[in-house]
Amino acid sequence: RRDAVAVDPNAVSEERLFEVVRAAFAHRRKMLRRSLDGVVAPAA
């Protein structure tokens, strides 16, 4: 176990982080701009 989680929870919640991760891997073969359409803003 890490002394602290890898991503600062003050910067992004665990819930939001894994929402993005799940959406990305739901369409593993697609480019991120497609699999994350509606989940992450294009400019992000």
PDB file of all heavy atoms in Angstrom:
ATOM      1  N   ARG A   1       0.832  -1.203   0.000  1.00  0.00           N
ATOM      2  CA  ARG A   1       0.000   0.000   0.000  1.00  0.00           C
ATOM      3  C   ARG A   1       0.867   1.255   0.000  1.00  0.00           C
ATOM      4  O   ARG A   1       1.872   1.343   0.720  1.00  0.00           O
ATOM      5  CB  ARG A   1      -0.913   0.009   1.233  1.00  0.00           C
ATOM      6  CG  ARG A   1      -1.911   1.180   1.234  1.00  0.00           C
ATOM      7  CD  ARG A   1      -2.784   1.175   2.469  1.00  0.00           C
ATOM      8  NE  ARG A   1      -3.707   0.059   2.507  1.00  0.00           N
ATOM      9  CZ  ARG A   1      -4.892   0.035   1.894  1.00  0.00           C
ATOM     10  NH1 ARG A   1      -5.270   1.095   1.167  1.00  0.00           N
ATOM     11  NH2 ARG A   1      -5.682  -1.011   1.984  1.00  0.00           N
ATOM     12  N   ARG A   2       0.477   2.234  -0.796  1.00  0.00           N
ATOM     13  CA  ARG A   2       1.179   3.516  -0.832  1.00  0.00           C
ATOM     14  C   ARG A   2       0.918   4.292   0.463  1.00  0.00           C
ATOM     15  O   ARG A   2      -0.138   4.141   1.082  1.00  0.00           O
ATOM     16  CB  ARG A   2       0.692   4.349  -2.018  1.00  0.00           C
ATOM     17  CG  ARG A   2       0.887   3.685  -3.375  1.00  0.00           C
ATOM     18  CD  ARG A   2       0.461   4.618  -4.506  1.00  0.00           C
ATOM     19  NE  ARG A   2       0.524   3.944  -5.795  1.00  0.00           N
ATOM     20  CZ  ARG A   2       1.644   3.729  -6.487  1.00  0.00           C
ATOM     21  NH1 ARG A   2       2.797   4.152  -5.993  1.00  0.00           N
ATOM     22  NH2 ARG A   2       1.619   3.118  -7.655  1.00  0.00           N
ATOM     23  N   ASP A   3       1.867   5.110   0.835  1.00  0.00           N
ATOM     24  CA  ASP A   3       1.655   5.971   2.008  1.00  0.00           C
ATOM     25  C   ASP A   3       0.496   6.938   1.764  1.00  0.00           C
ATOM     26  O   ASP A   3      -0.219   7.315   2.694  1.00  0.00           O
ATOM     27  CB  ASP A   3       2.928   6.752   2.323  1.00  0.00           C
ATOM     28  CG  ASP A   3       4.047   5.858   2.833  1.00  0.00           C
ATOM     29  OD1 ASP A   3       3.730   4.789   3.400  1.00  0.00           O
ATOM     30  OD2 ASP A   3       5.225   6.209   2.651  1.00  0.00           O
ATOM     31  N   ALA A   4       0.336   7.344   0.511  1.00  0.00           N
ATOM     32  CA  ALA A   4      -0.810   8.170   0.093  1.00  0.00           C
ATOM     33  C   ALA A   4      -1.242   7.675  -1.276  1.00  0.00           C
ATOM     34  O   ALA A   4      -0.417   7.199  -2.062  1.00  0.00           O
ATOM     35  CB  ALA A   4      -0.421   9.649   0.030  1.00  0.00           C
ATOM     36  N   VAL A   5      -2.531   7.775  -1.572  1.00  0.00           N
ATOM     37  CA  VAL A   5      -3.010   7.322  -2.879  1.00  0.00           C
ATOM     38  C   VAL A   5      -2.301   8.090  -3.992  1.00  0.00           C
ATOM     39  O   VAL A   5      -1.803   9.200  -3.792  1.00  0.00           O
ATOM     40  CB  VAL A   5      -4.540   7.484  -3.005  1.00  0.00           C
ATOM     41  CG1 VAL A   5      -5.247   6.500  -2.083  1.00  0.00           C
ATOM     42  CG2 VAL A   5      -4.971   8.920  -2.721  1.00  0.00           C
ATOM     43  N   ALA A   6      -2.228   7.475  -5.172  1.00  0.00           N
ATOM     44  CA  ALA A   6      -1.407   8.003  -6.255  1.00  0.00           C
ATOM     45  C   ALA A   6      -1.879   9.361  -6.772  1.00  0.00           C
ATOM     46  O   ALA A   6      -1.078  10.164  -7.251  1.00  0.00           O
ATOM     47  CB  ALA A   6      -1.372   6.997  -7.408  1.00  0.00           C
ATOM     48  N   VAL A   7      -3.192   9.621  -6.693  1.00  0.00           N
ATOM     49  CA  VAL A   7      -3.758  10.883  -7.181  1.00  0.00           C
ATOM     50  C   VAL A   7      -4.336  11.647  -5.993  1.00  0.00           C
ATOM     51  O   VAL A   7      -5.129  11.096  -5.223  1.00  0.00           O
ATOM     52  CB  VAL A   7      -4.855  10.620  -8.232  1.00  0.00           C
ATOM     53  CG1 VAL A   7      -5.498  11.928  -8.678  1.00  0.00           C
ATOM     54  CG2 VAL A   7      -4.276   9.872  -9.436  1.00  0.00           C
ATOM     55  N   ASP A   8      -3.944  12.877  -5.850  1.00  0.00           N
ATOM     56  CA  ASP A   8      -4.382  13.705  -4.717  1.00  0.00           C
ATOM     57  C   ASP A   8      -5.912  13.816  -4.700  1.00  0.00           C
ATOM     58  O   ASP A   8      -6.515  14.362  -5.629  1.00  0.00           O
ATOM     59  CB  ASP A   8      -3.770  15.097  -4.846  1.00  0.00           C
ATOM     60  CG  ASP A   8      -4.093  15.999  -3.655  1.00  0.00           C
ATOM     61  OD1 ASP A   8      -4.876  15.580  -2.782  1.00  0.00           O
ATOM     62  OD2 ASP A   8      -3.571  17.128  -3.621  1.00  0.00           O
ATOM     63  N   PRO A   9      -6.571  13.298  -3.660  1.00  0.00           N
ATOM     64  CA  PRO A   9      -8.043  13.366  -3.604  1.00  0.00           C
ATOM     65  C   PRO A   9      -8.574  14.788  -3.464  1.00  0.00           C
ATOM     66  O   PRO A   9      -9.760  15.025  -3.691  1.00  0.00           O
ATOM     67  CB  PRO A   9      -8.389  12.517  -2.382  1.00  0.00           C
ATOM     68  CG  PRO A   9      -7.152  12.485  -1.557  1.00  0.00           C
ATOM     69  CD  PRO A   9      -6.005  12.583  -2.511  1.00  0.00           C
ATOM     70  N   ASN A  10      -7.702  15.732  -3.109  1.00  0.00           N
ATOM     71  CA  ASN A  10      -8.126  17.132  -3.074  1.00  0.00           C
ATOM     72  C   ASN A  10      -8.215  17.716  -4.477  1.00  0.00           C
ATOM     73  O   ASN A  10      -8.920  18.704  -4.706  1.00  0.00           O
ATOM     74  CB  ASN A  10      -7.153  17.962  -2.231  1.00  0.00           C
ATOM     75  CG  ASN A  10      -7.190  17.579  -0.772  1.00  0.00           C
ATOM     76  OD1 ASN A  10      -8.257  17.395  -0.199  1.00  0.00           O
ATOM     77  ND2 ASN A  10      -6.022  17.425  -0.172  1.00  0.00           N
ATOM     78  N   ALA A  11      -7.495  17.105  -5.418  1.00  0.00           N
ATOM     79  CA  ALA A  11      -7.519  17.573  -6.804  1.00  0.00           C
ATOM     80  C   ALA A  11      -8.672  16.947  -7.578  1.00  0.00           C
ATOM     81  O   ALA A  11      -9.298  17.602  -8.424  1.00  0.00           O
ATOM     82  CB  ALA A  11      -6.193  17.250  -7.495  1.00  0.00           C
ATOM     83  N   VAL A  12      -8.952  15.681  -7.285  1.00  0.00           N
ATOM     84  CA  VAL A  12     -10.062  14.984  -7.955  1.00  0.00           C
ATOM     85  C   VAL A  12     -10.527  13.863  -7.041  1.00  0.00           C
ATOM     86  O   VAL A  12      -9.720  13.146  -6.453  1.00  0.00           O
ATOM     87  CB  VAL A  12      -9.638  14.431  -9.334  1.00  0.00           C
ATOM     88  CG1 VAL A  12      -8.466  13.466  -9.229  1.00  0.00           C
ATOM     89  CG2 VAL A  12     -10.817  13.764 -10.033  1.00  0.00           C
ATOM     90  N   SER A  13     -11.837  13.707  -6.906  1.00  0.00           N
ATOM     91  CA  SER A  13     -12.373  12.672  -6.025  1.00  0.00           C
ATOM     92  C   SER A  13     -12.133  11.288  -6.626  1.00  0.00           C
ATOM     93  O   SER A  13     -12.023  11.125  -7.852  1.00  0.00           O
ATOM     94  CB  SER A  13     -13.872  12.870  -5.808  1.00  0.00           C
ATOM     95  OG  SER A  13     -14.591  12.582  -6.995  1.00  0.00           O
ATOM     96  N   GLU A  14     -12.068  10.306  -5.744  1.00  0.00           N
ATOM     97  CA  GLU A  14     -11.930   8.914  -6.191  1.00  0.00           C
ATOM     98  C   GLU A  14     -13.104   8.529  -7.088  1.00  0.00           C
ATOM     99  O   GLU A  14     -12.930   7.841  -8.101  1.00  0.00           O
ATOM    100  CB  GLU A  14     -11.854   8.002  -4.966  1.00  0.00           C
ATOM    101  CG  GLU A  14     -11.597   6.553  -5.270  1.00  0.00           C
ATOM    102  CD  GLU A  14     -11.492   5.721  -4.009  1.00  0.00           C
ATOM    103  OE1 GLU A  14     -10.935   6.213  -3.008  1.00  0.00           O
ATOM    104  OE2 GLU A  14     -11.987   4.580  -4.020  1.00  0.00           O
ATOM    105  N   GLU A  15     -14.291   8.981  -6.731  1.00  0.00           N
ATOM    106  CA  GLU A  15     -15.484   8.670  -7.525  1.00  0.00           C
ATOM    107  C   GLU A  15     -15.351   9.196  -8.951  1.00  0.00           C
ATOM    108  O   GLU A  15     -15.627   8.492  -9.923  1.00  0.00           O
ATOM    109  CB  GLU A  15     -16.722   9.260  -6.858  1.00  0.00           C
ATOM    110  CG  GLU A  15     -18.014   8.975  -7.599  1.00  0.00           C
ATOM    111  CD  GLU A  15     -19.230   9.603  -6.921  1.00  0.00           C
ATOM    112  OE1 GLU A  15     -19.053  10.347  -5.933  1.00  0.00           O
ATOM    113  OE2 GLU A  15     -20.353   9.352  -7.398  1.00  0.00           O
ATOM    114  N   ARG A  16     -14.921  10.449  -9.098  1.00  0.00           N
ATOM    115  CA  ARG A  16     -14.768  11.043 -10.430  1.00  0.00           C
ATOM    116  C   ARG A  16     -13.644  10.362 -11.210  1.00  0.00           C
ATOM    117  O   ARG A  16     -13.797  10.071 -12.404  1.00  0.00           O
ATOM    118  CB  ARG A  16     -14.471  12.537 -10.291  1.00  0.00           C
ATOM    119  CG  ARG A  16     -14.023  13.233 -11.576  1.00  0.00           C
ATOM    120  CD  ARG A  16     -15.045  13.144 -12.678  1.00  0.00           C
ATOM    121  NE  ARG A  16     -14.592  13.853 -13.876  1.00  0.00           N
ATOM    122  CZ  ARG A  16     -15.151  13.730 -15.079  1.00  0.00           C
ATOM    123  NH1 ARG A  16     -16.201  12.929 -15.251  1.00  0.00           N
ATOM    124  NH2 ARG A  16     -14.681  14.415 -16.107  1.00  0.00           N
ATOM    125  N   LEU A  17     -12.534  10.084 -10.546  1.00  0.00           N
ATOM    126  CA  LEU A  17     -11.413   9.432 -11.223  1.00  0.00           C
ATOM    127  C   LEU A  17     -11.846   8.117 -11.847  1.00  0.00           C
ATOM    128  O   LEU A  17     -11.589   7.859 -13.031  1.00  0.00           O
ATOM    129  CB  LEU A  17     -10.277   9.195 -10.229  1.00  0.00           C
ATOM    130  CG  LEU A  17      -9.115   8.327 -10.715  1.00  0.00           C
ATOM    131  CD1 LEU A  17      -8.417   8.960 -11.909  1.00  0.00           C
ATOM    132  CD2 LEU A  17      -8.135   8.060  -9.579  1.00  0.00           C
ATOM    133  N   PHE A  18     -12.526   7.293 -11.071  1.00  0.00           N
ATOM    134  CA  PHE A  18     -12.867   5.969 -11.586  1.00  0.00           C
ATOM    135  C   PHE A  18     -14.096   5.978 -12.491  1.00  0.00           C
ATOM    136  O   PHE A  18     -14.318   5.029 -13.238  1.00  0.00           O
ATOM    137  CB  PHE A  18     -12.964   4.962 -10.438  1.00  0.00           C
ATOM    138  CG  PHE A  18     -11.608   4.687  -9.842  1.00  0.00           C
ATOM    139  CD1 PHE A  18     -11.283   5.129  -8.576  1.00  0.00           C
ATOM    140  CD2 PHE A  18     -10.631   4.058 -10.589  1.00  0.00           C
ATOM    141  CE1 PHE A  18     -10.021   4.931  -8.054  1.00  0.00           C
ATOM    142  CE2 PHE A  18      -9.363   3.843 -10.087  1.00  0.00           C
ATOM    143  CZ  PHE A  18      -9.052   4.280  -8.817  1.00  0.00           C
ATOM    144  N   GLU A  19     -14.865   7.045 -12.449  1.00  0.00           N
ATOM    145  CA  GLU A  19     -15.892   7.235 -13.476  1.00  0.00           C
ATOM    146  C   GLU A  19     -15.213   7.362 -14.838  1.00  0.00           C
ATOM    147  O   GLU A  19     -15.642   6.750 -15.827  1.00  0.00           O
ATOM    148  CB  GLU A  19     -16.715   8.488 -13.190  1.00  0.00           C
ATOM    149  CG  GLU A  19     -17.730   8.815 -14.285  1.00  0.00           C
ATOM    150  CD  GLU A  19     -18.319  10.211 -14.159  1.00  0.00           C
ATOM    151  OE1 GLU A  19     -17.777  11.043 -13.394  1.00  0.00           O
ATOM    152  OE2 GLU A  19     -19.320  10.478 -14.863  1.00  0.00           O
ATOM    153  N   VAL A  20     -14.148   8.156 -14.898  1.00  0.00           N
ATOM    154  CA  VAL A  20     -13.417   8.346 -16.148  1.00  0.00           C
ATOM    155  C   VAL A  20     -12.724   7.056 -16.565  1.00  0.00           C
ATOM    156  O   VAL A  20     -12.770   6.662 -17.742  1.00  0.00           O
ATOM    157  CB  VAL A  20     -12.397   9.500 -16.004  1.00  0.00           C
ATOM    158  CG1 VAL A  20     -11.485   9.581 -17.235  1.00  0.00           C
ATOM    159  CG2 VAL A  20     -13.122  10.818 -15.781  1.00  0.00           C
ATOM    160  N   VAL A  21     -12.100   6.360 -15.622  1.00  0.00           N
ATOM    161  CA  VAL A  21     -11.399   5.112 -15.928  1.00  0.00           C
ATOM    162  C   VAL A  21     -12.364   4.065 -16.479  1.00  0.00           C
ATOM    163  O   VAL A  21     -12.095   3.418 -17.495  1.00  0.00           O
ATOM    164  CB  VAL A  21     -10.670   4.580 -14.676  1.00  0.00           C
ATOM    165  CG1 VAL A  21     -10.125   3.165 -14.934  1.00  0.00           C
ATOM    166  CG2 VAL A  21      -9.541   5.521 -14.279  1.00  0.00           C
ATOM    167  N   ARG A  22     -13.504   3.900 -15.816  1.00  0.00           N
ATOM    168  CA  ARG A  22     -14.485   2.909 -16.277  1.00  0.00           C
ATOM    169  C   ARG A  22     -14.991   3.239 -17.671  1.00  0.00           C
ATOM    170  O   ARG A  22     -15.123   2.354 -18.533  1.00  0.00           O
ATOM    171  CB  ARG A  22     -15.664   2.822 -15.298  1.00  0.00           C
ATOM    172  CG  ARG A  22     -15.353   2.099 -14.000  1.00  0.00           C
ATOM    173  CD  ARG A  22     -16.632   1.822 -13.234  1.00  0.00           C
ATOM    174  NE  ARG A  22     -17.350   3.051 -12.891  1.00  0.00           N
ATOM    175  CZ  ARG A  22     -17.147   3.752 -11.795  1.00  0.00           C
ATOM    176  NH1 ARG A  22     -16.238   3.359 -10.917  1.00  0.00           N
ATOM    177  NH2 ARG A  22     -17.843   4.851 -11.545  1.00  0.00           N
ATOM    178  N   ALA A  23     -15.284   4.506 -17.912  1.00  0.00           N
ATOM    179  CA  ALA A  23     -15.786   4.911 -19.229  1.00  0.00           C
ATOM    180  C   ALA A  23     -14.737   4.657 -20.303  1.00  0.00           C
ATOM    181  O   ALA A  23     -15.057   4.195 -21.404  1.00  0.00           O
ATOM    182  CB  ALA A  23     -16.177   6.392 -19.199  1.00  0.00           C
ATOM    183  N   ALA A  24     -13.476   4.948 -19.997  1.00  0.00           N
ATOM    184  CA  ALA A  24     -12.410   4.751 -20.980  1.00  0.00           C
ATOM    185  C   ALA A  24     -12.259   3.280 -21.348  1.00  0.00           C
ATOM    186  O   ALA A  24     -12.161   2.933 -22.528  1.00  0.00           O
ATOM    187  CB  ALA A  24     -11.093   5.300 -20.425  1.00  0.00           C
ATOM    188  N   PHE A  25     -12.256   2.399 -20.361  1.00  0.00           N
ATOM    189  CA  PHE A  25     -12.025   0.980 -20.625  1.00  0.00           C
ATOM    190  C   PHE A  25     -13.286   0.242 -21.070  1.00  0.00           C
ATOM    191  O   PHE A  25     -13.203  -0.913 -21.492  1.00  0.00           O
ATOM    192  CB  PHE A  25     -11.404   0.302 -19.410  1.00  0.00           C
ATOM    193  CG  PHE A  25      -9.930   0.573 -19.274  1.00  0.00           C
ATOM    194  CD1 PHE A  25      -9.475   1.545 -18.396  1.00  0.00           C
ATOM    195  CD2 PHE A  25      -9.008  -0.122 -20.041  1.00  0.00           C
ATOM    196  CE1 PHE A  25      -8.116   1.814 -18.276  1.00  0.00           C
ATOM    197  CE2 PHE A  25      -7.656   0.132 -19.938  1.00  0.00           C
ATOM    198  CZ  PHE A  25      -7.197   1.101 -19.056  1.00  0.00           C
ATOM    199  N   ALA A  26     -14.430   0.903 -21.011  1.00  0.00           N
ATOM    200  CA  ALA A  26     -15.648   0.283 -21.539  1.00  0.00           C
ATOM    201  C   ALA A  26     -15.556   0.119 -23.053  1.00  0.00           C
ATOM    202  O   ALA A  26     -16.261  -0.707 -23.643  1.00  0.00           O
ATOM    203  CB  ALA A  26     -16.867   1.120 -21.174  1.00  0.00           C
ATOM    204  N   HIS A  27     -14.706   0.904 -23.663  1.00  0.00           N
ATOM    205  CA  HIS A  27     -14.495   0.831 -25.125  1.00  0.00           C
ATOM    206  C   HIS A  27     -12.997   0.810 -25.367  1.00  0.00           C
ATOM    207  O   HIS A  27     -12.419   1.752 -25.910  1.00  0.00           O
ATOM    208  CB  HIS A  27     -15.145   2.025 -25.812  1.00  0.00           C
ATOM    209  CG  HIS A  27     -16.608   2.178 -25.497  1.00  0.00           C
ATOM    210  ND1 HIS A  27     -17.569   1.396 -26.085  1.00  0.00           N
ATOM    211  CD2 HIS A  27     -17.257   3.002 -24.628  1.00  0.00           C
ATOM    212  CE1 HIS A  27     -18.756   1.736 -25.612  1.00  0.00           C
ATOM    213  NE2 HIS A  27     -18.599   2.709 -24.731  1.00  0.00           N
ATOM    214  N   ARG A  28     -12.388  -0.274 -24.975  1.00  0.00           N
ATOM    215  CA  ARG A  28     -10.931  -0.384 -24.927  1.00  0.00           C
ATOM    216  C   ARG A  28     -10.255  -0.057 -26.254  1.00  0.00           C
ATOM    217  O   ARG A  28      -9.186   0.538 -26.279  1.00  0.00           O
ATOM    218  CB  ARG A  28     -10.564  -1.804 -24.479  1.00  0.00           C
ATOM    219  CG  ARG A  28      -9.083  -2.015 -24.257  1.00  0.00           C
ATOM    220  CD  ARG A  28      -8.790  -3.452 -23.862  1.00  0.00           C
ATOM    221  NE  ARG A  28      -7.383  -3.649 -23.612  1.00  0.00           N
ATOM    222  CZ  ARG A  28      -6.798  -3.543 -22.424  1.00  0.00           C
ATOM    223  NH1 ARG A  28      -7.522  -3.245 -21.381  1.00  0.00           N
ATOM    224  NH2 ARG A  28      -5.502  -3.732 -22.280  1.00  0.00           N
ATOM    225  N   ARG A  29     -10.848  -0.449 -27.342  1.00  0.00           N
ATOM    226  CA  ARG A  29     -10.187  -0.275 -28.639  1.00  0.00           C
ATOM    227  C   ARG A  29     -10.413   1.115 -29.242  1.00  0.00           C
ATOM    228  O   ARG A  29      -9.820   1.452 -30.260  1.00  0.00           O
ATOM    229  CB  ARG A  29     -10.656  -1.353 -29.617  1.00  0.00           C
ATOM    230  CG  ARG A  29     -10.257  -2.763 -29.182  1.00  0.00           C
ATOM    231  CD  ARG A  29     -10.591  -3.788 -30.243  1.00  0.00           C
ATOM    232  NE  ARG A  29     -10.192  -5.119 -29.820  1.00  0.00           N
ATOM    233  CZ  ARG A  29      -8.965  -5.613 -29.955  1.00  0.00           C
ATOM    234  NH1 ARG A  29      -8.021  -4.872 -30.496  1.00  0.00           N
ATOM    235  NH2 ARG A  29      -8.681  -6.847 -29.554  1.00  0.00           N
ATOM    236  N   LYS A  30     -11.265   1.892 -28.618  1.00  0.00           N
ATOM    237  CA  LYS A  30     -11.545   3.221 -29.162  1.00  0.00           C
ATOM    238  C   LYS A  30     -10.538   4.247 -28.641  1.00  0.00           C
ATOM    239  O   LYS A  30      -9.970   4.099 -27.566  1.00  0.00           O
ATOM    240  CB  LYS A  30     -12.955   3.668 -28.764  1.00  0.00           C
ATOM    241  CG  LYS A  30     -14.071   2.917 -29.484  1.00  0.00           C
ATOM    242  CD  LYS A  30     -15.412   3.542 -29.138  1.00  0.00           C
ATOM    243  CE  LYS A  30     -16.546   2.854 -29.892  1.00  0.00           C
ATOM    244  NZ  LYS A  30     -17.864   3.478 -29.596  1.00  0.00           N
ATOM    245  N   MET A  31     -10.342   5.291 -29.413  1.00  0.00           N
ATOM    246  CA  MET A  31      -9.527   6.402 -28.953  1.00  0.00           C
ATOM    247  C   MET A  31     -10.254   7.100 -27.808  1.00  0.00           C
ATOM    248  O   MET A  31     -11.484   7.096 -27.737  1.00  0.00           O
ATOM    249  CB  MET A  31      -9.257   7.378 -30.095  1.00  0.00           C
ATOM    250  CG  MET A  31      -8.347   6.813 -31.176  1.00  0.00           C
ATOM    251  SD  MET A  31      -7.963   8.010 -32.479  1.00  0.00           S
ATOM    252  CE  MET A  31      -9.554   8.107 -33.316  1.00  0.00           C
ATOM    253  N   LEU A  32      -9.494   7.728 -26.934  1.00  0.00           N
ATOM    254  CA  LEU A  32     -10.073   8.355 -25.750  1.00  0.00           C
ATOM    255  C   LEU A  32     -11.100   9.425 -26.094  1.00  0.00           C
ATOM    256  O   LEU A  32     -12.100   9.581 -25.387  1.00  0.00           O
ATOM    257  CB  LEU A  32      -8.968   8.954 -24.886  1.00  0.00           C
ATOM    258  CG  LEU A  32      -8.076   7.939 -24.163  1.00  0.00           C
ATOM    259  CD1 LEU A  32      -6.841   8.627 -23.584  1.00  0.00           C
ATOM    260  CD2 LEU A  32      -8.847   7.218 -23.059  1.00  0.00           C
ATOM    261  N   ARG A  33     -10.883  10.158 -27.146  1.00  0.00           N
ATOM    262  CA  ARG A  33     -11.823  11.220 -27.484  1.00  0.00           C
ATOM    263  C   ARG A  33     -13.202  10.657 -27.799  1.00  0.00           C
ATOM    264  O   ARG A  33     -14.214  11.347 -27.659  1.00  0.00           O
ATOM    265  CB  ARG A  33     -11.299  12.042 -28.662  1.00  0.00           C
ATOM    266  CG  ARG A  33     -11.268  11.325 -29.994  1.00  0.00           C
ATOM    267  CD  ARG A  33     -10.620  12.186 -31.056  1.00  0.00           C
ATOM    268  NE  ARG A  33     -10.576  11.498 -32.349  1.00  0.00           N
ATOM    269  CZ  ARG A  33      -9.801  11.889 -33.360  1.00  0.00           C
ATOM    270  NH1 ARG A  33      -9.005  12.937 -33.222  1.00  0.00           N
ATOM    271  NH2 ARG A  33      -9.823  11.223 -34.503  1.00  0.00           N
ATOM    272  N   ARG A  34     -13.251   9.394 -28.221  1.00  0.00           N
ATOM    273  CA  ARG A  34     -14.541   8.761 -28.499  1.00  0.00           C
ATOM    274  C   ARG A  34     -15.110   8.072 -27.264  1.00  0.00           C
ATOM    275  O   ARG A  34     -16.289   8.221 -26.949  1.00  0.00           O
ATOM    276  CB  ARG A  34     -14.377   7.754 -29.643  1.00  0.00           C
ATOM    277  CG  ARG A  34     -14.032   8.411 -30.980  1.00  0.00           C
ATOM    278  CD  ARG A  34     -13.927   7.394 -32.082  1.00  0.00           C
ATOM    279  NE  ARG A  34     -13.639   8.020 -33.377  1.00  0.00           N
ATOM    280  CZ  ARG A  34     -13.416   7.358 -34.495  1.00  0.00           C
ATOM    281  NH1 ARG A  34     -13.432   6.029 -34.494  1.00  0.00           N
ATOM    282  NH2 ARG A  34     -13.165   8.006 -35.625  1.00  0.00           N
ATOM    283  N   SER A  35     -14.268   7.308 -26.566  1.00  0.00           N
ATOM    284  CA  SER A  35     -14.780   6.572 -25.401  1.00  0.00           C
ATOM    285  C   SER A  35     -15.172   7.509 -24.259  1.00  0.00           C
ATOM    286  O   SER A  35     -16.041   7.181 -23.455  1.00  0.00           O
ATOM    287  CB  SER A  35     -13.745   5.567 -24.911  1.00  0.00           C
ATOM    288  OG  SER A  35     -12.553   6.209 -24.530  1.00  0.00           O
ATOM    289  N   LEU A  36     -14.564   8.699 -24.212  1.00  0.00           N
ATOM    290  CA  LEU A  36     -14.862   9.644 -23.137  1.00  0.00           C
ATOM    291  C   LEU A  36     -15.757  10.792 -23.587  1.00  0.00           C
ATOM    292  O   LEU A  36     -15.906  11.785 -22.864  1.00  0.00           O
ATOM    293  CB  LEU A  36     -13.553  10.192 -22.553  1.00  0.00           C
ATOM    294  CG  LEU A  36     -12.685   9.158 -21.830  1.00  0.00           C
ATOM    295  CD1 LEU A  36     -11.395   9.789 -21.321  1.00  0.00           C
ATOM    296  CD2 LEU A  36     -13.451   8.500 -20.677  1.00  0.00           C
ATOM    297  N   ASP A  37     -16.353  10.644 -24.749  1.00  0.00           N
ATOM    298  CA  ASP A  37     -17.284  11.671 -25.233  1.00  0.00           C
ATOM    299  C   ASP A  37     -18.450  11.794 -24.255  1.00  0.00           C
ATOM    300  O   ASP A  37     -19.116  10.805 -23.926  1.00  0.00           O
ATOM    301  CB  ASP A  37     -17.801  11.278 -26.626  1.00  0.00           C
ATOM    302  CG  ASP A  37     -18.715  12.324 -27.219  1.00  0.00           C
ATOM    303  OD1 ASP A  37     -18.541  13.517 -26.896  1.00  0.00           O
ATOM    304  OD2 ASP A  37     -19.619  11.959 -28.000  1.00  0.00           O
ATOM    305  N   GLY A  38     -18.680  12.994 -23.758  1.00  0.00           N
ATOM    306  CA  GLY A  38     -19.734  13.221 -22.782  1.00  0.00           C
ATOM    307  C   GLY A  38     -19.299  13.020 -21.346  1.00  0.00           C
ATOM    308  O   GLY A  38     -20.046  13.348 -20.417  1.00  0.00           O
ATOM    309  N   VAL A  39     -18.106  12.490 -21.149  1.00  0.00           N
ATOM    310  CA  VAL A  39     -17.573  12.267 -19.807  1.00  0.00           C
ATOM    311  C   VAL A  39     -16.476  13.285 -19.495  1.00  0.00           C
ATOM    312  O   VAL A  39     -16.378  13.792 -18.376  1.00  0.00           O
ATOM    313  CB  VAL A  39     -17.022  10.826 -19.665  1.00  0.00           C
ATOM    314  CG1 VAL A  39     -16.434  10.603 -18.271  1.00  0.00           C
ATOM    315  CG2 VAL A  39     -18.107   9.803 -19.962  1.00  0.00           C
ATOM    316  N   VAL A  40     -15.658  13.573 -20.506  1.00  0.00           N
ATOM    317  CA  VAL A  40     -14.568  14.545 -20.387  1.00  0.00           C
ATOM    318  C   VAL A  40     -14.735  15.576 -21.503  1.00  0.00           C
ATOM    319  O   VAL A  40     -14.976  15.216 -22.663  1.00  0.00           O
ATOM    320  CB  VAL A  40     -13.195  13.851 -20.508  1.00  0.00           C
ATOM    321  CG1 VAL A  40     -12.064  14.875 -20.603  1.00  0.00           C
ATOM    322  CG2 VAL A  40     -12.966  12.908 -19.325  1.00  0.00           C
ATOM    323  N   ALA A  41     -14.625  16.842 -21.165  1.00  0.00           N
ATOM    324  CA  ALA A  41     -14.755  17.904 -22.172  1.00  0.00           C
ATOM    325  C   ALA A  41     -13.622  17.805 -23.187  1.00  0.00           C
ATOM    326  O   ALA A  41     -12.479  17.507 -22.812  1.00  0.00           O
ATOM    327  CB  ALA A  41     -14.732  19.272 -21.496  1.00  0.00           C
ATOM    328  N   PRO A  42     -13.892  18.056 -24.472  1.00  0.00           N
ATOM    329  CA  PRO A  42     -12.840  17.964 -25.505  1.00  0.00           C
ATOM    330  C   PRO A  42     -11.607  18.801 -25.183  1.00  0.00           C
ATOM    331  O   PRO A  42     -10.476  18.366 -25.419  1.00  0.00           O
ATOM    332  CB  PRO A  42     -13.548  18.461 -26.759  1.00  0.00           C
ATOM    333  CG  PRO A  42     -14.990  18.151 -26.525  1.00  0.00           C
ATOM    334  CD  PRO A  42     -15.208  18.354 -25.055  1.00  0.00           C
ATOM    335  N   ALA A  43     -11.821  19.983 -24.609  1.00  0.00           N
ATOM    336  CA  ALA A  43     -10.680  20.858 -24.309  1.00  0.00           C
ATOM    337  C   ALA A  43      -9.834  20.337 -23.146  1.00  0.00           C
ATOM    338  O   ALA A  43      -8.686  20.778 -22.964  1.00  0.00           O
ATOM    339  CB  ALA A  43     -11.183  22.260 -23.994  1.00  0.00           C
ATOM    340  N   ALA A  44     -10.360  19.397 -22.367  1.00  0.00           N
ATOM    341  CA  ALA A  44      -9.635  18.913 -21.189  1.00  0.00           C
ATOM    342  C   ALA A  44      -8.395  18.114 -21.571  1.00  0.00           C
ATOM    343  O   ALA A  44      -7.422  18.076 -20.813  1.00  0.00           O
ATOM    344  CB  ALA A  44     -10.560  18.056 -20.332  1.00  0.00           C
TER     345      ALA A  44
END
